[in-house]
Amino acid sequence: MTSIALVTGSSRGLGRNTALSIARRGGDVILTYRSGAAEAQRVVQEIQALGRLAVAIPLDVADVGTFAGFAAQVRAALQDTWGRDTFDHLVNNAGHGAMASFADTTVADFDALFNVHVKGVFFLTQALLPLIADGGRIVNLSSGLTRVSFPGFSAYSAAKGAVEILSVYLAKELGSRGIAVNTVAPGAIETDFLGGAVRDMPDLNQQFASMTALGRVGVPDDIGPMIASLLTAEHRWVTAQRIEVSGGQVI
């Protein structure tokens, strides 16, 4: 049976690359997007061009009150497109960044980060749990900034640290269903994260590159294929792990 993965925030960036990497490995994909409907449909078309099935469903991971309705939409899409009641893999990728010193971080900034990266991941996974097949996989996205510090990311990194602990607890509690749960922690990546700062600001790009053993910052193709590989049967015995994909950042 073809596997189905749900990838949040997959209209752009790492989510898009992950969705396409899954499709290239023969999987089908449910994409989510917050505002980029046209971009999401283009990813759907790219996946279909690879001979795989895909649908896109809107989702704001900061709005917990919409999760029950979203789960109902996923259930309907599974029936309509695949004739199934469950999907196999959940990749909690959707998120955003905010850079401010600890002293300057506002309550609004803090709440926005934790609502998306912690509360959203926690309760979205909970809402989708009845739809995840036994023996499935959950991958939560963290950051290399939970292992090393970089000024300006105290709130963001604290949120990602919470996700890493949550992943360990999910791995324990869902293990009886054969569901493996892991965290993938990218290093600095050339995407539109923080408005494309790492991608578009040469000085910042070089600063992060100088911290990396392989001598450059990452690109989406360094991350998406790795996540896709983690969903395969070859990694069935890997669970409760934090896997950093950073090119050897600050070692």
Protein backbone atom coordinates (compact mmCIF):
# COMPACT_ATOMS: atom_id res chain seq x y z
CA MET A 1 0.00 0.00 0.00
CA THR A 2 1.27 3.48 -0.87
CA SER A 3 2.17 5.56 2.16
CA ILE A 4 0.49 8.91 2.81
CA ALA A 5 2.28 11.72 4.65
CA LEU A 6 0.76 14.90 6.03
CA VAL A 7 3.30 17.74 5.99
CA THR A 8 2.32 21.01 7.63
CA GLY A 9 3.50 24.28 6.13
CA SER A 10 4.39 22.61 2.85
CA SER A 11 3.65 25.36 0.34
CA ARG A 12 7.22 26.68 0.62
CA GLY A 13 10.65 26.19 2.17
CA LEU A 14 11.56 23.01 3.99
CA GLY A 15 7.96 21.79 3.99
CA ARG A 16 7.74 22.02 0.20
CA ASN A 17 11.06 20.25 -0.20
CA THR A 18 10.00 17.53 2.23
CA ALA A 19 6.71 16.97 0.41
CA LEU A 20 8.47 16.66 -2.94
CA SER A 21 11.14 14.38 -1.46
CA ILE A 22 8.42 12.08 -0.12
CA ALA A 23 6.77 11.99 -3.54
CA ARG A 24 10.08 11.19 -5.24
CA ARG A 25 10.34 8.17 -2.94
CA GLY A 26 6.91 6.98 -4.03
CA GLY A 27 4.71 8.46 -1.31
CA ASP A 28 1.53 10.51 -1.53
CA VAL A 29 1.14 13.77 0.37
CA ILE A 30 -1.43 15.89 2.17
CA LEU A 31 -0.10 19.44 2.20
CA THR A 32 -1.15 22.29 4.47
CA TYR A 33 -0.78 26.02 3.97
CA ARG A 34 -1.84 29.09 5.92
CA SER A 35 -2.14 31.77 3.25
CA GLY A 36 -0.26 30.54 0.17
CA ALA A 37 -3.07 28.70 -1.61
CA ALA A 38 -1.58 29.29 -5.07
CA GLU A 39 1.86 28.14 -3.93
CA ALA A 40 0.36 25.02 -2.36
CA GLN A 41 -1.48 24.15 -5.55
CA ARG A 42 1.76 24.46 -7.48
CA VAL A 43 3.35 21.94 -5.12
CA VAL A 44 0.34 19.64 -5.63
CA GLN A 45 0.90 19.88 -9.38
CA GLU A 46 4.61 19.13 -9.00
CA ILE A 47 3.78 16.04 -6.96
CA GLN A 48 1.19 14.92 -9.48
CA ALA A 49 3.79 15.35 -12.23
CA LEU A 50 5.88 12.80 -10.32
CA GLY A 51 3.00 10.34 -10.63
CA ARG A 52 1.87 10.65 -7.01
CA LEU A 53 -1.36 11.88 -5.41
CA ALA A 54 -1.58 15.08 -3.36
CA VAL A 55 -4.19 17.39 -1.86
CA ALA A 56 -3.78 20.76 -0.12
CA ILE A 57 -5.84 21.83 2.90
CA PRO A 58 -5.65 25.22 4.66
CA LEU A 59 -4.44 25.22 8.27
CA ASP A 60 -3.34 27.84 10.77
CA VAL A 61 -1.29 25.91 13.31
CA ALA A 62 -1.64 28.78 15.78
CA ASP A 63 -5.44 28.42 15.88
CA VAL A 64 -6.14 25.39 18.07
CA GLY A 65 -9.89 25.94 17.77
CA THR A 66 -9.80 24.94 14.10
CA PHE A 67 -8.06 21.58 14.59
CA ALA A 68 -11.19 19.46 14.93
CA GLY A 69 -12.54 20.88 11.68
CA PHE A 70 -9.17 20.37 9.99
CA ALA A 71 -9.09 16.73 11.11
CA ALA A 72 -12.56 16.28 9.60
CA GLN A 73 -11.26 17.71 6.31
CA VAL A 74 -8.32 15.31 6.40
CA ARG A 75 -10.67 12.40 7.04
CA ALA A 76 -12.82 13.43 4.07
CA ALA A 77 -9.76 13.83 1.82
CA LEU A 78 -8.51 10.39 2.80
CA GLN A 79 -11.83 8.85 1.84
CA ASP A 80 -12.30 10.84 -1.36
CA THR A 81 -8.75 10.55 -2.72
CA TRP A 82 -7.43 7.30 -1.30
CA GLY A 83 -10.43 5.36 -0.02
CA ARG A 84 -8.70 5.12 3.34
CA ASP A 85 -9.44 6.10 6.94
CA THR A 86 -5.84 6.76 8.00
CA PHE A 87 -2.57 8.27 6.86
CA ASP A 88 0.89 7.00 7.72
CA HIS A 89 3.22 9.88 8.53
CA LEU A 90 2.88 13.30 10.18
CA VAL A 91 5.60 15.91 9.70
CA ASN A 92 5.08 18.92 11.99
CA ASN A 93 7.06 21.41 9.94
CA ALA A 94 4.99 24.61 9.92
CA GLY A 95 6.51 27.48 11.83
CA HIS A 96 8.09 30.90 11.82
CA GLY A 97 11.00 32.66 13.41
CA ALA A 98 11.43 35.85 15.41
CA MET A 99 14.75 37.37 16.36
CA ALA A 100 15.04 39.61 19.41
CA SER A 101 17.30 39.80 22.41
CA PHE A 102 16.01 38.28 25.63
CA ALA A 103 15.57 41.78 27.10
CA ASP A 104 13.56 42.98 24.11
CA THR A 105 11.31 39.93 23.58
CA THR A 106 7.66 40.89 24.07
CA VAL A 107 4.83 38.79 25.44
CA ALA A 108 3.24 38.92 21.98
CA ASP A 109 6.43 37.60 20.34
CA PHE A 110 6.74 34.83 22.94
CA ASP A 111 3.09 33.79 22.64
CA ALA A 112 3.22 33.75 18.84
CA LEU A 113 6.22 31.40 18.88
CA PHE A 114 4.86 29.05 21.52
CA ASN A 115 1.36 28.99 20.00
CA VAL A 116 2.79 27.71 16.71
CA HIS A 117 5.77 25.62 17.73
CA VAL A 118 4.55 24.07 20.98
CA LYS A 119 0.81 24.43 21.54
CA GLY A 120 0.08 23.95 17.85
CA VAL A 121 2.28 20.87 17.50
CA PHE A 122 0.90 19.35 20.72
CA PHE A 123 -2.80 19.76 19.99
CA LEU A 124 -2.64 19.23 16.22
CA THR A 125 -0.92 15.90 16.78
CA GLN A 126 -3.55 15.07 19.38
CA ALA A 127 -6.38 15.94 16.98
CA LEU A 128 -4.86 13.86 14.18
CA LEU A 129 -3.87 10.88 16.33
CA PRO A 130 -7.01 8.82 15.51
CA LEU A 131 -6.16 9.21 11.81
CA ILE A 132 -2.52 8.11 12.06
CA ALA A 133 -2.09 4.44 11.18
CA ASP A 134 -0.49 2.03 13.63
CA GLY A 135 3.14 1.58 12.67
CA GLY A 136 3.29 5.16 11.39
CA ARG A 137 5.85 7.90 11.91
CA ILE A 138 5.82 11.39 13.40
CA VAL A 139 8.64 13.85 12.74
CA ASN A 140 8.76 17.15 14.61
CA LEU A 141 11.02 19.95 13.41
CA SER A 142 13.37 21.57 15.89
CA SER A 143 16.54 23.61 15.38
CA GLY A 144 20.29 23.42 15.80
CA LEU A 145 19.81 26.38 18.14
CA THR A 146 18.65 24.07 20.93
CA ARG A 147 22.20 22.69 21.20
CA VAL A 148 24.17 25.93 20.83
CA SER A 149 23.21 29.53 21.50
CA PHE A 150 23.06 32.44 19.08
CA PRO A 151 21.96 35.85 20.36
CA GLY A 152 18.40 36.77 19.48
CA PHE A 153 16.80 33.33 19.54
CA SER A 154 16.04 32.69 23.22
CA ALA A 155 12.25 32.41 22.81
CA TYR A 156 12.41 30.52 19.52
CA SER A 157 14.95 28.04 20.86
CA ALA A 158 13.01 27.55 24.09
CA ALA A 159 9.96 26.63 22.03
CA LYS A 160 11.95 24.19 19.95
CA GLY A 161 13.45 22.69 23.09
CA ALA A 162 9.92 21.99 24.31
CA VAL A 163 9.18 20.21 21.03
CA GLU A 164 12.19 17.96 21.53
CA ILE A 165 10.96 16.88 24.97
CA LEU A 166 7.44 16.40 23.62
CA SER A 167 8.82 14.09 20.94
CA VAL A 168 10.39 11.82 23.56
CA TYR A 169 7.11 11.60 25.47
CA LEU A 170 5.15 10.89 22.30
CA ALA A 171 7.61 8.14 21.38
CA LYS A 172 6.99 6.49 24.75
CA GLU A 173 3.21 6.88 24.80
CA LEU A 174 2.64 5.93 21.14
CA GLY A 175 5.16 3.10 21.06
CA SER A 176 2.47 0.55 21.87
CA ARG A 177 0.92 1.39 18.50
CA GLY A 178 4.25 0.98 16.72
CA ILE A 179 4.43 4.71 15.98
CA ALA A 180 7.99 6.07 15.92
CA VAL A 181 8.49 9.72 16.86
CA ASN A 182 11.66 11.67 16.19
CA THR A 183 12.91 15.24 16.02
CA VAL A 184 14.89 16.64 13.10
CA ALA A 185 16.96 19.71 13.95
CA PRO A 186 18.26 21.64 10.92
CA GLY A 187 21.10 24.11 11.18
CA ALA A 188 21.12 27.43 9.32
CA ILE A 189 19.30 26.99 5.98
CA GLU A 190 18.86 29.22 2.94
CA THR A 191 15.07 29.64 2.97
CA ASP A 192 12.70 32.56 3.53
CA PHE A 193 12.91 31.96 7.30
CA LEU A 194 13.29 35.35 9.03
CA GLY A 195 12.53 37.02 5.72
CA GLY A 196 15.28 35.10 3.96
CA ALA A 197 18.01 36.50 6.22
CA VAL A 198 20.45 33.58 5.92
CA ARG A 199 19.78 33.28 2.19
CA ASP A 200 19.91 36.98 1.28
CA MET A 201 22.37 38.58 3.73
CA PRO A 202 25.94 37.60 2.71
CA ASP A 203 27.51 38.59 6.03
CA LEU A 204 25.05 36.49 8.06
CA ASN A 205 25.36 33.61 5.61
CA GLN A 206 29.13 33.65 5.97
CA GLN A 207 28.90 33.92 9.75
CA PHE A 208 26.87 30.71 9.94
CA ALA A 209 28.98 29.03 7.24
CA SER A 210 32.12 29.68 9.30
CA MET A 211 30.56 27.75 12.20
CA THR A 212 29.94 24.67 10.07
CA ALA A 213 32.37 21.81 9.54
CA LEU A 214 31.35 21.43 5.89
CA GLY A 215 31.96 25.12 5.28
CA ARG A 216 28.56 26.35 4.10
CA VAL A 217 25.02 26.85 5.27
CA GLY A 218 22.37 24.34 4.32
CA VAL A 219 19.82 24.38 1.52
CA PRO A 220 16.37 22.73 1.48
CA ASP A 221 17.73 19.75 -0.49
CA ASP A 222 19.91 18.96 2.53
CA ILE A 223 16.87 18.53 4.78
CA GLY A 224 13.81 17.32 2.85
CA PRO A 225 15.36 14.08 1.56
CA MET A 226 16.64 13.24 5.05
CA ILE A 227 13.16 13.65 6.54
CA ALA A 228 11.68 11.56 3.73
CA SER A 229 14.23 8.81 4.41
CA LEU A 230 13.34 8.82 8.11
CA LEU A 231 9.78 7.85 7.20
CA THR A 232 10.83 4.66 5.44
CA ALA A 233 10.94 1.11 6.77
CA GLU A 234 14.74 1.25 6.81
CA HIS A 235 14.47 3.50 9.89
CA ARG A 236 11.71 1.58 11.65
CA TRP A 237 13.87 1.04 14.77
CA VAL A 238 14.70 4.73 15.21
CA THR A 239 12.50 6.53 17.73
CA ALA A 240 12.79 9.19 20.47
CA GLN A 241 15.88 10.64 18.78
CA ARG A 242 16.99 14.19 18.07
CA ILE A 243 18.72 14.08 14.70
CA GLU A 244 20.68 17.21 13.84
CA VAL A 245 21.13 17.94 10.13
CA SER A 246 23.47 20.91 10.16
CA GLY A 247 26.63 20.02 8.28
CA GLY A 248 28.48 19.92 11.60
CA GLN A 249 27.47 23.29 13.02
CA VAL A 250 29.58 24.36 16.01
CA ILE A 251 31.39 21.08 16.71
